[in-house]
Each structure stands twice: as structure tokens, then as C-alpha cells.
């Protein structure tokens, strides 16, 4: 687990550093590295460079679509806020994570 945890930590550090530079590059890098957890789940022995390169390749030309996909959950999150986060915890977050996993499967099958 140390290898996977290290890569996820580096991913978070990279996103934070890009966000410190400017907000927009941080958002772009967040979507560029969006597939890292899913790649690591299937290939836990890959090196950090390979995982980041594969995620970048998978998200090339798909960052805007992933952003619009995330925007489609705004209504659900607002509804979850009205229930003090209960709906978000029980329904919205699992639904959003499943949708991101399905996006990974679609992008993986395209490659």
C-alpha cells in the first residue's frame, strides 16, 4: 500500500502546486490526473511516471467532458446541502464515484 499511497500523495502535491501557481492550471491538472486512482487499482505495480503518463493520455481531449460531467452533479450537491449532507453522504458521493469509474472504463476501452 505504500507505493499506491505515495503516488496518490504525489498526485495531491502536484495538483496543489499547480493550484498555487494559478487556479485554472490547477483545475486542468486535477482533470488530467483524474484517472490515477483507477489506473492504480488495476495496475498497482506501475511506476509513478507510467501512471501519470497513462492518465494524461486517457484524459487528452476529454477534460472538458469530465468537467461537464462534474457540473451535472451541482444540483445533487445543492439538494444534499439542504439535507445537511446526509443525502450527499448516502447517495450523491457514491453515485458520483460510480460515474467516474464508468468514465474510466469508457476511456480505457477507447485506448
Protein backbone atom coordinates (compact mmCIF):
# COMPACT_ATOMS: atom_id res chain seq x y z
CA UNK A 1 0.00 0.00 0.00
CA UNK A 2 2.97 2.31 0.48
CA UNK A 3 3.61 2.54 -3.26
CA UNK A 4 -0.01 3.40 -4.05
CA UNK A 5 -0.25 5.84 -1.14
CA UNK A 6 2.95 7.53 -2.28
CA UNK A 7 1.67 8.01 -5.81
CA UNK A 8 -1.65 9.40 -4.54
CA UNK A 9 0.27 11.77 -2.24
CA UNK A 10 2.43 12.97 -5.15
CA UNK A 11 -0.74 13.48 -7.22
CA UNK A 12 -2.21 15.67 -4.47
CA UNK A 13 1.03 17.64 -4.12
CA UNK A 14 1.21 18.24 -7.88
CA UNK A 15 -2.39 19.46 -8.00
CA UNK A 16 -1.81 21.75 -5.02
CA UNK A 17 1.36 23.19 -6.53
CA UNK A 18 -0.38 23.86 -9.84
CA UNK A 19 -3.27 25.46 -7.94
CA UNK A 20 -0.87 27.73 -6.04
CA UNK A 21 0.53 28.89 -9.37
CA UNK A 22 -2.93 29.80 -10.67
CA UNK A 23 -6.40 28.38 -10.12
CA UNK A 24 -7.11 27.39 -13.75
CA UNK A 25 -3.92 25.32 -14.27
CA UNK A 26 -4.70 23.53 -11.01
CA UNK A 27 -8.16 22.61 -12.27
CA UNK A 28 -6.72 21.44 -15.60
CA UNK A 29 -4.15 19.25 -13.81
CA UNK A 30 -6.85 17.91 -11.48
CA UNK A 31 -8.74 16.63 -14.51
CA UNK A 32 -5.55 15.44 -16.18
CA UNK A 33 -4.72 13.28 -13.15
CA UNK A 34 -8.35 12.21 -12.59
CA UNK A 35 -7.76 8.62 -13.72
CA UNK A 36 -4.73 7.93 -11.49
CA UNK A 37 -6.70 6.11 -8.72
CA UNK A 38 -8.44 3.86 -11.24
CA UNK A 39 -5.23 3.03 -13.09
CA UNK A 40 -3.56 2.18 -9.78
CA UNK A 41 -6.49 -0.03 -8.79
CA UNK A 42 -5.99 -2.17 -11.90
CA UNK A 43 -2.19 -1.91 -12.12
CA UNK A 44 -0.73 -1.40 -8.64
CA UNK A 45 2.82 -2.21 -9.78
CA UNK A 46 3.09 0.59 -12.35
CA UNK A 47 5.63 3.32 -11.72
CA UNK A 48 4.55 6.88 -10.93
CA UNK A 49 5.72 8.15 -14.33
CA UNK A 50 3.77 5.45 -16.18
CA UNK A 51 0.59 6.08 -14.19
CA UNK A 52 0.71 9.84 -14.73
CA UNK A 53 1.52 9.45 -18.44
CA UNK A 54 -1.35 7.00 -18.94
CA UNK A 55 -3.79 9.25 -17.10
CA UNK A 56 -2.65 12.22 -19.18
CA UNK A 57 -3.09 10.19 -22.37
CA UNK A 58 -6.55 8.98 -21.35
CA UNK A 59 -7.77 12.47 -20.48
CA UNK A 60 -6.32 14.14 -23.58
CA UNK A 61 -9.33 15.66 -25.31
CA UNK A 62 -11.68 14.50 -22.55
CA UNK A 63 -11.02 17.05 -19.80
CA UNK A 64 -13.89 19.30 -20.86
CA UNK A 65 -16.29 16.35 -20.98
CA UNK A 66 -15.22 15.32 -17.47
CA UNK A 67 -15.72 18.91 -16.28
CA UNK A 68 -19.23 19.00 -17.73
CA UNK A 69 -19.91 15.62 -16.13
CA UNK A 70 -18.90 17.07 -12.75
CA UNK A 71 -21.10 20.12 -13.38
CA UNK A 72 -24.07 17.82 -13.82
CA UNK A 73 -23.82 16.93 -10.11
CA UNK A 74 -24.22 20.51 -8.85
CA UNK A 75 -27.96 20.11 -8.38
CA UNK A 76 -27.47 16.93 -6.39
CA UNK A 77 -24.91 18.61 -4.15
CA UNK A 78 -27.24 21.56 -3.55
CA UNK A 79 -30.02 19.15 -2.64
CA UNK A 80 -27.60 17.34 -0.36
CA UNK A 81 -26.76 20.64 1.35
CA UNK A 82 -30.47 21.10 2.10
CA UNK A 83 -30.39 17.78 4.00
CA UNK A 84 -27.25 18.83 5.95
CA UNK A 85 -25.07 16.47 3.93
CA UNK A 86 -26.99 13.29 4.65
CA UNK A 87 -28.11 12.86 1.04
CA UNK A 88 -24.61 13.74 -0.18
CA UNK A 89 -23.03 11.12 2.07
CA UNK A 90 -25.52 8.35 1.38
CA UNK A 91 -26.37 8.88 -2.29
CA UNK A 92 -24.59 11.63 -4.21
CA UNK A 93 -20.95 10.77 -3.48
CA UNK A 94 -21.33 7.03 -4.27
CA UNK A 95 -23.24 7.93 -7.44
CA UNK A 96 -20.57 10.41 -8.48
CA UNK A 97 -17.73 7.95 -7.76
CA UNK A 98 -19.50 5.24 -9.74
CA UNK A 99 -19.94 7.66 -12.65
CA UNK A 100 -16.22 8.50 -12.59
CA UNK A 101 -15.39 4.78 -12.55
CA UNK A 102 -17.63 4.25 -15.56
CA UNK A 103 -15.88 7.15 -17.32
CA UNK A 104 -12.60 5.34 -16.65
CA UNK A 105 -13.95 2.13 -18.21
CA UNK A 106 -15.15 4.01 -21.29
CA UNK A 107 -11.82 5.78 -21.73
CA UNK A 108 -9.87 2.57 -21.10
CA UNK A 109 -11.87 0.75 -23.77
CA UNK A 110 -11.18 3.53 -26.29
CA UNK A 111 -7.42 3.07 -25.92
